[in-house]
PDB file of N, CA and C in Angstrom:
ATOM      1  N   MET A   1       0.408  -1.095  -0.110  1.00  0.00           N
ATOM      2  CA  MET A   1      -0.446   0.173  -0.021  1.00  0.00           C
ATOM      3  C   MET A   1       1.101   0.907   0.044  1.00  0.00           C
ATOM      4  N   VAL A   2       0.529   2.393  -0.596  1.00  0.00           N
ATOM      5  CA  VAL A   2       1.773   3.409  -0.900  1.00  0.00           C
ATOM      6  C   VAL A   2       0.252   4.479  -0.666  1.00  0.00           C
ATOM      7  N   PRO A   3       0.625   5.315   0.637  1.00  0.00           N
ATOM      8  CA  PRO A   3      -0.696   6.459   0.609  1.00  0.00           C
ATOM      9  C   PRO A   3      -0.170   7.629  -0.306  1.00  0.00           C
ATOM     10  N   LEU A   4      -1.137   7.945  -1.438  1.00  0.00           N
ATOM     11  CA  LEU A   4      -1.233   8.692  -1.890  1.00  0.00           C
ATOM     12  C   LEU A   4      -1.376  10.446  -1.638  1.00  0.00           C
ATOM     13  N   SER A   5      -2.493  10.804  -1.170  1.00  0.00           N
ATOM     14  CA  SER A   5      -3.170  12.109  -0.623  1.00  0.00           C
ATOM     15  C   SER A   5      -4.155  12.072   0.136  1.00  0.00           C
ATOM     16  N   THR A   6      -4.154  13.203   0.636  1.00  0.00           N
ATOM     17  CA  THR A   6      -5.218  13.881   1.082  1.00  0.00           C
ATOM     18  C   THR A   6      -5.916  14.713   0.090  1.00  0.00           C
ATOM     19  N   GLY A   7      -7.332  14.234  -0.139  1.00  0.00           N
ATOM     20  CA  GLY A   7      -7.532  14.740  -1.604  1.00  0.00           C
ATOM     21  C   GLY A   7      -8.817  16.520  -0.840  1.00  0.00           C
ATOM     22  N   ALA A   8      -8.917  17.131  -2.428  1.00  0.00           N
ATOM     23  CA  ALA A   8      -9.230  18.546  -1.874  1.00  0.00           C
ATOM     24  C   ALA A   8     -10.277  17.963  -1.205  1.00  0.00           C
ATOM     25  N   SER A   9     -11.047  17.080  -0.713  1.00  0.00           N
ATOM     26  CA  SER A   9     -12.433  17.521  -0.688  1.00  0.00           C
ATOM     27  C   SER A   9     -12.606  16.568   0.709  1.00  0.00           C
ATOM     28  N   GLY A  10     -11.031  15.814   1.132  1.00  0.00           N
ATOM     29  CA  GLY A  10     -10.678  15.388   2.515  1.00  0.00           C
ATOM     30  C   GLY A  10     -10.755  13.925   2.434  1.00  0.00           C
ATOM     31  N   ASP A  11     -10.692  13.431   1.677  1.00  0.00           N
ATOM     32  CA  ASP A  11     -10.808  11.999   1.110  1.00  0.00           C
ATOM     33  C   ASP A  11      -9.127  11.419   1.660  1.00  0.00           C
ATOM     34  N   ARG A  12      -9.194  10.803   2.361  1.00  0.00           N
ATOM     35  CA  ARG A  12      -7.773   9.616   1.987  1.00  0.00           C
ATOM     36  C   ARG A  12      -7.653   8.888   1.107  1.00  0.00           C
ATOM     37  N   LYS A  13      -6.497   9.018   0.067  1.00  0.00           N
ATOM     38  CA  LYS A  13      -6.327   8.157  -0.937  1.00  0.00           C
ATOM     39  C   LYS A  13      -5.006   7.380  -1.020  1.00  0.00           C
ATOM     40  N   LEU A  14      -5.197   6.160  -1.524  1.00  0.00           N
ATOM     41  CA  LEU A  14      -4.575   5.167  -1.330  1.00  0.00           C
ATOM     42  C   LEU A  14      -4.135   4.245  -2.790  1.00  0.00           C
ATOM     43  N   ASN A  15      -2.818   4.303  -2.761  1.00  0.00           N
ATOM     44  CA  ASN A  15      -2.477   2.890  -4.203  1.00  0.00           C
ATOM     45  C   ASN A  15      -2.424   1.842  -3.565  1.00  0.00           C
ATOM     46  N   VAL A  16      -2.385   0.387  -4.017  1.00  0.00           N
ATOM     47  CA  VAL A  16      -2.734  -0.703  -3.551  1.00  0.00           C
ATOM     48  C   VAL A  16      -2.309  -1.686  -4.779  1.00  0.00           C
ATOM     49  N   ILE A  17      -1.814  -2.839  -4.287  1.00  0.00           N
ATOM     50  CA  ILE A  17      -2.098  -3.602  -5.313  1.00  0.00           C
ATOM     51  C   ILE A  17      -2.777  -4.985  -4.239  1.00  0.00           C
ATOM     52  N   ILE A  18      -3.511  -5.653  -4.893  1.00  0.00           N
ATOM     53  CA  ILE A  18      -5.070  -6.596  -4.344  1.00  0.00           C
ATOM     54  C   ILE A  18      -4.871  -7.838  -5.525  1.00  0.00           C
ATOM     55  N   ASN A  19      -4.213  -8.899  -5.268  1.00  0.00           N
ATOM     56  CA  ASN A  19      -4.298 -10.224  -6.276  1.00  0.00           C
ATOM     57  C   ASN A  19      -3.353  -9.423  -7.498  1.00  0.00           C
ATOM     58  N   GLY A  20      -2.365  -8.474  -7.528  1.00  0.00           N
ATOM     59  CA  GLY A  20      -2.012  -8.620  -8.094  1.00  0.00           C
ATOM     60  C   GLY A  20      -2.270  -7.455  -9.358  1.00  0.00           C
ATOM     61  N   LYS A  21      -3.518  -6.831  -8.633  1.00  0.00           N
ATOM     62  CA  LYS A  21      -4.132  -5.574  -9.710  1.00  0.00           C
ATOM     63  C   LYS A  21      -4.152  -4.420  -9.051  1.00  0.00           C
ATOM     64  N   LYS A  22      -3.999  -3.490  -9.432  1.00  0.00           N
ATOM     65  CA  LYS A  22      -3.277  -2.281  -9.078  1.00  0.00           C
ATOM     66  C   LYS A  22      -4.446  -0.970  -8.613  1.00  0.00           C
ATOM     67  N   TYR A  23      -4.772  -0.494  -7.995  1.00  0.00           N
ATOM     68  CA  TYR A  23      -6.052  -0.326  -7.897  1.00  0.00           C
ATOM     69  C   TYR A  23      -5.684   1.487  -7.077  1.00  0.00           C
ATOM     70  N   GLU A  24      -6.254   2.444  -7.274  1.00  0.00           N
ATOM     71  CA  GLU A  24      -6.698   3.809  -6.517  1.00  0.00           C
ATOM     72  C   GLU A  24      -8.478   3.468  -5.617  1.00  0.00           C
ATOM     73  N   LEU A  25      -7.702   3.985  -4.367  1.00  0.00           N
ATOM     74  CA  LEU A  25      -8.642   3.672  -3.176  1.00  0.00           C
ATOM     75  C   LEU A  25      -9.131   4.707  -2.573  1.00  0.00           C
ATOM     76  N   GLU A  26     -10.150   4.974  -1.565  1.00  0.00           N
ATOM     77  CA  GLU A  26     -10.488   6.283  -1.660  1.00  0.00           C
ATOM     78  C   GLU A  26     -11.531   5.919   0.064  1.00  0.00           C
ATOM     79  N   ALA A  27     -11.660   6.922   1.019  1.00  0.00           N
ATOM     80  CA  ALA A  27     -12.150   7.021   2.001  1.00  0.00           C
ATOM     81  C   ALA A  27     -12.383   8.164   3.010  1.00  0.00           C
ATOM     82  N   PRO A  28     -13.240   8.673   3.230  1.00  0.00           N
ATOM     83  CA  PRO A  28     -12.980  10.129   3.894  1.00  0.00           C
ATOM     84  C   PRO A  28     -12.395   9.763   5.494  1.00  0.00           C
ATOM     85  N   ALA A  29     -11.743  10.787   5.095  1.00  0.00           N
ATOM     86  CA  ALA A  29     -10.985  11.218   6.387  1.00  0.00           C
ATOM     87  C   ALA A  29     -11.398  11.707   7.609  1.00  0.00           C
ATOM     88  N   LYS A  30     -11.324  11.374   8.086  1.00  0.00           N
ATOM     89  CA  LYS A  30     -11.611  12.056   9.595  1.00  0.00           C
ATOM     90  C   LYS A  30     -10.502  12.525  10.209  1.00  0.00           C
ATOM     91  N   ARG A  31      -9.282  12.875  10.205  1.00  0.00           N
ATOM     92  CA  ARG A  31      -8.413  13.165  10.121  1.00  0.00           C
ATOM     93  C   ARG A  31      -6.909  12.990   9.578  1.00  0.00           C
ATOM     94  N   THR A  32      -6.279  13.980   8.972  1.00  0.00           N
ATOM     95  CA  THR A  32      -5.262  13.787   8.566  1.00  0.00           C
ATOM     96  C   THR A  32      -4.350  13.025   8.568  1.00  0.00           C
ATOM     97  N   ARG A  33      -4.335  12.047   8.074  1.00  0.00           N
ATOM     98  CA  ARG A  33      -3.266  10.726   8.734  1.00  0.00           C
ATOM     99  C   ARG A  33      -2.521  10.466   7.602  1.00  0.00           C
ATOM    100  N   LEU A  34      -1.184   9.682   7.725  1.00  0.00           N
ATOM    101  CA  LEU A  34      -0.620   9.136   6.911  1.00  0.00           C
ATOM    102  C   LEU A  34      -0.652   7.860   7.419  1.00  0.00           C
ATOM    103  N   SER A  35      -0.906   6.982   6.174  1.00  0.00           N
ATOM    104  CA  SER A  35      -1.425   5.005   6.429  1.00  0.00           C
ATOM    105  C   SER A  35       0.323   4.851   5.905  1.00  0.00           C
ATOM    106  N   ALA A  36       0.890   4.064   7.041  1.00  0.00           N
ATOM    107  CA  ALA A  36       2.236   3.449   6.767  1.00  0.00           C
ATOM    108  C   ALA A  36       2.616   2.384   5.483  1.00  0.00           C
ATOM    109  N   LEU A  37       3.450   2.471   4.836  1.00  0.00           N
ATOM    110  CA  LEU A  37       3.734   1.460   3.620  1.00  0.00           C
ATOM    111  C   LEU A  37       3.425   0.252   4.488  1.00  0.00           C
ATOM    112  N   GLY A  38       3.120  -0.934   4.024  1.00  0.00           N
ATOM    113  CA  GLY A  38       2.779  -2.460   4.573  1.00  0.00           C
ATOM    114  C   GLY A  38       2.125  -3.388   3.984  1.00  0.00           C
ATOM    115  N   ASP A  39       1.920  -4.787   3.967  1.00  0.00           N
ATOM    116  CA  ASP A  39       1.023  -5.136   3.907  1.00  0.00           C
ATOM    117  C   ASP A  39      -0.116  -5.734   4.773  1.00  0.00           C
ATOM    118  N   TYR A  40      -1.639  -5.459   3.788  1.00  0.00           N
ATOM    119  CA  TYR A  40      -2.431  -5.003   5.028  1.00  0.00           C
ATOM    120  C   TYR A  40      -3.534  -6.262   4.145  1.00  0.00           C
ATOM    121  N   LYS A  41      -4.321  -6.854   5.063  1.00  0.00           N
ATOM    122  CA  LYS A  41      -5.575  -8.019   4.871  1.00  0.00           C
ATOM    123  C   LYS A  41      -6.503  -7.168   3.774  1.00  0.00           C
ATOM    124  N   ALA A  42      -6.721  -7.315   2.496  1.00  0.00           N
ATOM    125  CA  ALA A  42      -7.843  -6.586   1.867  1.00  0.00           C
ATOM    126  C   ALA A  42      -8.901  -8.096   1.767  1.00  0.00           C
ATOM    127  N   LYS A  43     -10.472  -6.614   2.010  1.00  0.00           N
ATOM    128  CA  LYS A  43     -11.544  -8.174   1.893  1.00  0.00           C
ATOM    129  C   LYS A  43     -12.176  -7.379   0.918  1.00  0.00           C
ATOM    130  N   LEU A  44     -12.577  -7.851  -0.046  1.00  0.00           N
ATOM    131  CA  LEU A  44     -14.081  -7.613  -0.675  1.00  0.00           C
ATOM    132  C   LEU A  44     -15.262  -7.714  -0.571  1.00  0.00           C
ATOM    133  N   ILE A  45     -16.231  -6.281  -0.034  1.00  0.00           N
ATOM    134  CA  ILE A  45     -17.065  -6.202   0.524  1.00  0.00           C
ATOM    135  C   ILE A  45     -18.402  -6.026  -0.147  1.00  0.00           C
ATOM    136  N   GLU A  46     -17.731  -5.330  -1.177  1.00  0.00           N
ATOM    137  CA  GLU A  46     -18.805  -4.979  -2.048  1.00  0.00           C
ATOM    138  C   GLU A  46     -18.444  -5.143  -3.496  1.00  0.00           C
ATOM    139  N   ASP A  47     -19.574  -5.774  -4.325  1.00  0.00           N
ATOM    140  CA  ASP A  47     -18.475  -5.761  -6.012  1.00  0.00           C
ATOM    141  C   ASP A  47     -20.522  -5.469  -6.741  1.00  0.00           C
ATOM    142  N   VAL A  48     -20.696  -4.323  -6.889  1.00  0.00           N
ATOM    143  CA  VAL A  48     -22.009  -4.404  -7.926  1.00  0.00           C
ATOM    144  C   VAL A  48     -21.657  -4.080  -9.801  1.00  0.00           C
ATOM    145  N   HIS A  49     -22.327  -5.155 -10.325  1.00  0.00           N
ATOM    146  CA  HIS A  49     -21.903  -4.613 -11.669  1.00  0.00           C
ATOM    147  C   HIS A  49     -23.575  -4.174 -12.106  1.00  0.00           C
ATOM    148  N   LYS A  50     -23.767  -2.754 -12.470  1.00  0.00           N
ATOM    149  CA  LYS A  50     -25.311  -2.667 -12.945  1.00  0.00           C
ATOM    150  C   LYS A  50     -25.246  -2.923 -14.516  1.00  0.00           C
ATOM    151  N   ASN A  51     -24.367  -2.944 -15.281  1.00  0.00           N
ATOM    152  CA  ASN A  51     -24.313  -2.993 -16.658  1.00  0.00           C
ATOM    153  C   ASN A  51     -22.696  -3.210 -16.367  1.00  0.00           C
ATOM    154  N   SER A  52     -22.404  -3.172 -18.197  1.00  0.00           N
ATOM    155  CA  SER A  52     -21.201  -3.550 -18.694  1.00  0.00           C
ATOM    156  C   SER A  52     -19.735  -2.742 -18.416  1.00  0.00           C
ATOM    157  N   TYR A  53     -20.368  -1.601 -18.325  1.00  0.00           N
ATOM    158  CA  TYR A  53     -19.725  -0.941 -18.460  1.00  0.00           C
ATOM    159  C   TYR A  53     -19.471   0.034 -16.714  1.00  0.00           C
ATOM    160  N   GLU A  54     -20.164   0.069 -16.044  1.00  0.00           N
ATOM    161  CA  GLU A  54     -20.458   0.466 -14.539  1.00  0.00           C
ATOM    162  C   GLU A  54     -20.153  -0.224 -13.581  1.00  0.00           C
ATOM    163  N   SER A  55     -19.227   0.276 -12.574  1.00  0.00           N
ATOM    164  CA  SER A  55     -19.274  -1.150 -11.220  1.00  0.00           C
ATOM    165  C   SER A  55     -18.779  -0.085  -9.678  1.00  0.00           C
ATOM    166  N   THR A  56     -19.121  -1.010  -8.718  1.00  0.00           N
ATOM    167  CA  THR A  56     -18.931  -0.091  -7.427  1.00  0.00           C
ATOM    168  C   THR A  56     -17.994  -0.808  -6.541  1.00  0.00           C
ATOM    169  N   GLN A  57     -17.173  -1.175  -6.249  1.00  0.00           N
ATOM    170  CA  GLN A  57     -16.230  -2.266  -5.706  1.00  0.00           C
ATOM    171  C   GLN A  57     -15.999  -1.243  -4.213  1.00  0.00           C
ATOM    172  N   THR A  58     -16.119  -2.230  -3.026  1.00  0.00           N
ATOM    173  CA  THR A  58     -15.604  -1.399  -1.438  1.00  0.00           C
ATOM    174  C   THR A  58     -14.748  -2.710  -1.247  1.00  0.00           C
ATOM    175  N   TYR A  59     -13.329  -2.229  -0.429  1.00  0.00           N
ATOM    176  CA  TYR A  59     -12.677  -3.026  -0.077  1.00  0.00           C
ATOM    177  C   TYR A  59     -12.481  -2.809   1.458  1.00  0.00           C
ATOM    178  N   GLU A  60     -12.194  -3.865   2.307  1.00  0.00           N
ATOM    179  CA  GLU A  60     -12.027  -3.537   3.762  1.00  0.00           C
ATOM    180  C   GLU A  60     -10.641  -3.769   4.147  1.00  0.00           C
ATOM    181  N   LEU A  61      -9.750  -2.699   4.794  1.00  0.00           N
ATOM    182  CA  LEU A  61      -8.582  -2.930   4.731  1.00  0.00           C
ATOM    183  C   LEU A  61      -8.594  -3.218   6.545  1.00  0.00           C
ATOM    184  N   GLN A  62      -7.776  -4.215   6.529  1.00  0.00           N
ATOM    185  CA  GLN A  62      -6.921  -4.723   8.428  1.00  0.00           C
ATOM    186  C   GLN A  62      -6.171  -4.137   8.831  1.00  0.00           C
ATOM    187  N   PHE A  63      -5.886  -3.051   9.901  1.00  0.00           N
ATOM    188  CA  PHE A  63      -4.293  -2.310  10.067  1.00  0.00           C
ATOM    189  C   PHE A  63      -3.520  -3.533  10.786  1.00  0.00           C
ATOM    190  N   SER A  64      -2.565  -3.177  11.029  1.00  0.00           N
ATOM    191  CA  SER A  64      -1.925  -3.902  12.307  1.00  0.00           C
ATOM    192  C   SER A  64      -2.351  -4.025  13.339  1.00  0.00           C
ATOM    193  N   ASP A  65      -2.793  -3.116  14.202  1.00  0.00           N
ATOM    194  CA  ASP A  65      -3.812  -2.904  15.444  1.00  0.00           C
ATOM    195  C   ASP A  65      -5.200  -4.027  15.260  1.00  0.00           C
ATOM    196  N   GLY A  66      -5.508  -3.985  14.433  1.00  0.00           N
ATOM    197  CA  GLY A  66      -7.308  -5.351  13.829  1.00  0.00           C
ATOM    198  C   GLY A  66      -8.310  -4.086  13.234  1.00  0.00           C
ATOM    199  N   LYS A  67      -7.566  -2.963  13.818  1.00  0.00           N
ATOM    200  CA  LYS A  67      -9.085  -1.926  13.145  1.00  0.00           C
ATOM    201  C   LYS A  67      -8.959  -2.442  11.715  1.00  0.00           C
ATOM    202  N   THR A  68     -10.319  -1.834  11.219  1.00  0.00           N
ATOM    203  CA  THR A  68     -10.527  -2.379   9.724  1.00  0.00           C
ATOM    204  C   THR A  68     -11.376  -0.717   9.495  1.00  0.00           C
ATOM    205  N   ARG A  69     -10.870  -0.630   7.686  1.00  0.00           N
ATOM    206  CA  ARG A  69     -11.553   1.146   7.298  1.00  0.00           C
ATOM    207  C   ARG A  69     -12.227   0.761   6.127  1.00  0.00           C
ATOM    208  N   LYS A  70     -13.200   0.871   5.722  1.00  0.00           N
ATOM    209  CA  LYS A  70     -13.350   1.150   4.134  1.00  0.00           C
ATOM    210  C   LYS A  70     -12.572   1.637   3.341  1.00  0.00           C
ATOM    211  N   PHE A  71     -12.752   1.423   2.169  1.00  0.00           N
ATOM    212  CA  PHE A  71     -12.283   1.968   0.762  1.00  0.00           C
ATOM    213  C   PHE A  71     -12.954   2.120  -0.311  1.00  0.00           C
ATOM    214  N   ILE A  72     -13.372   2.776  -1.076  1.00  0.00           N
ATOM    215  CA  ILE A  72     -14.358   2.453  -2.376  1.00  0.00           C
ATOM    216  C   ILE A  72     -13.009   2.967  -3.129  1.00  0.00           C
ATOM    217  N   VAL A  73     -13.144   1.554  -4.162  1.00  0.00           N
ATOM    218  CA  VAL A  73     -12.463   1.643  -5.523  1.00  0.00           C
ATOM    219  C   VAL A  73     -12.778   2.998  -6.292  1.00  0.00           C
ATOM    220  N   VAL A  74     -11.856   3.898  -6.408  1.00  0.00           N
ATOM    221  CA  VAL A  74     -12.002   4.813  -7.306  1.00  0.00           C
ATOM    222  C   VAL A  74     -11.330   4.670  -8.646  1.00  0.00           C
ATOM    223  N   GLY A  75     -10.177   3.592  -8.999  1.00  0.00           N
ATOM    224  CA  GLY A  75      -9.393   3.360 -10.153  1.00  0.00           C
ATOM    225  C   GLY A  75      -8.802   2.183 -10.162  1.00  0.00           C
ATOM    226  N   GLN A  76      -8.536   1.678 -11.310  1.00  0.00           N
ATOM    227  CA  GLN A  76      -7.896   0.935 -11.503  1.00  0.00           C
ATOM    228  C   GLN A  76      -6.745   1.033 -12.918  1.00  0.00           C
ATOM    229  N   THR A  77      -5.727   0.416 -12.474  1.00  0.00           N
ATOM    230  CA  THR A  77      -4.790   0.336 -13.410  1.00  0.00           C
ATOM    231  C   THR A  77      -3.775  -0.974 -13.881  1.00  0.00           C
ATOM    232  N   GLU A  78      -3.368  -1.255 -15.017  1.00  0.00           N
ATOM    233  CA  GLU A  78      -2.379  -2.373 -15.502  1.00  0.00           C
ATOM    234  C   GLU A  78      -1.111  -2.907 -14.390  1.00  0.00           C
TER     235      GLU A  78
END
């Protein structure tokens, strides 16, 4: 996981690799914090495909202290 930034809207953005695929994830930031680089468990908790060209995916990441946070997929690259 590579922390990207806190966006203009205050969202926390991350670049991650899950199962060999590169994603950009986003979650509302309660406070400005930097996520440490590392390997974290990721669980797909929402995977909705309304049609052939749109989808919504949400992952739950588990941090080293056992706490979890939900992140929405906002981008995917090869």
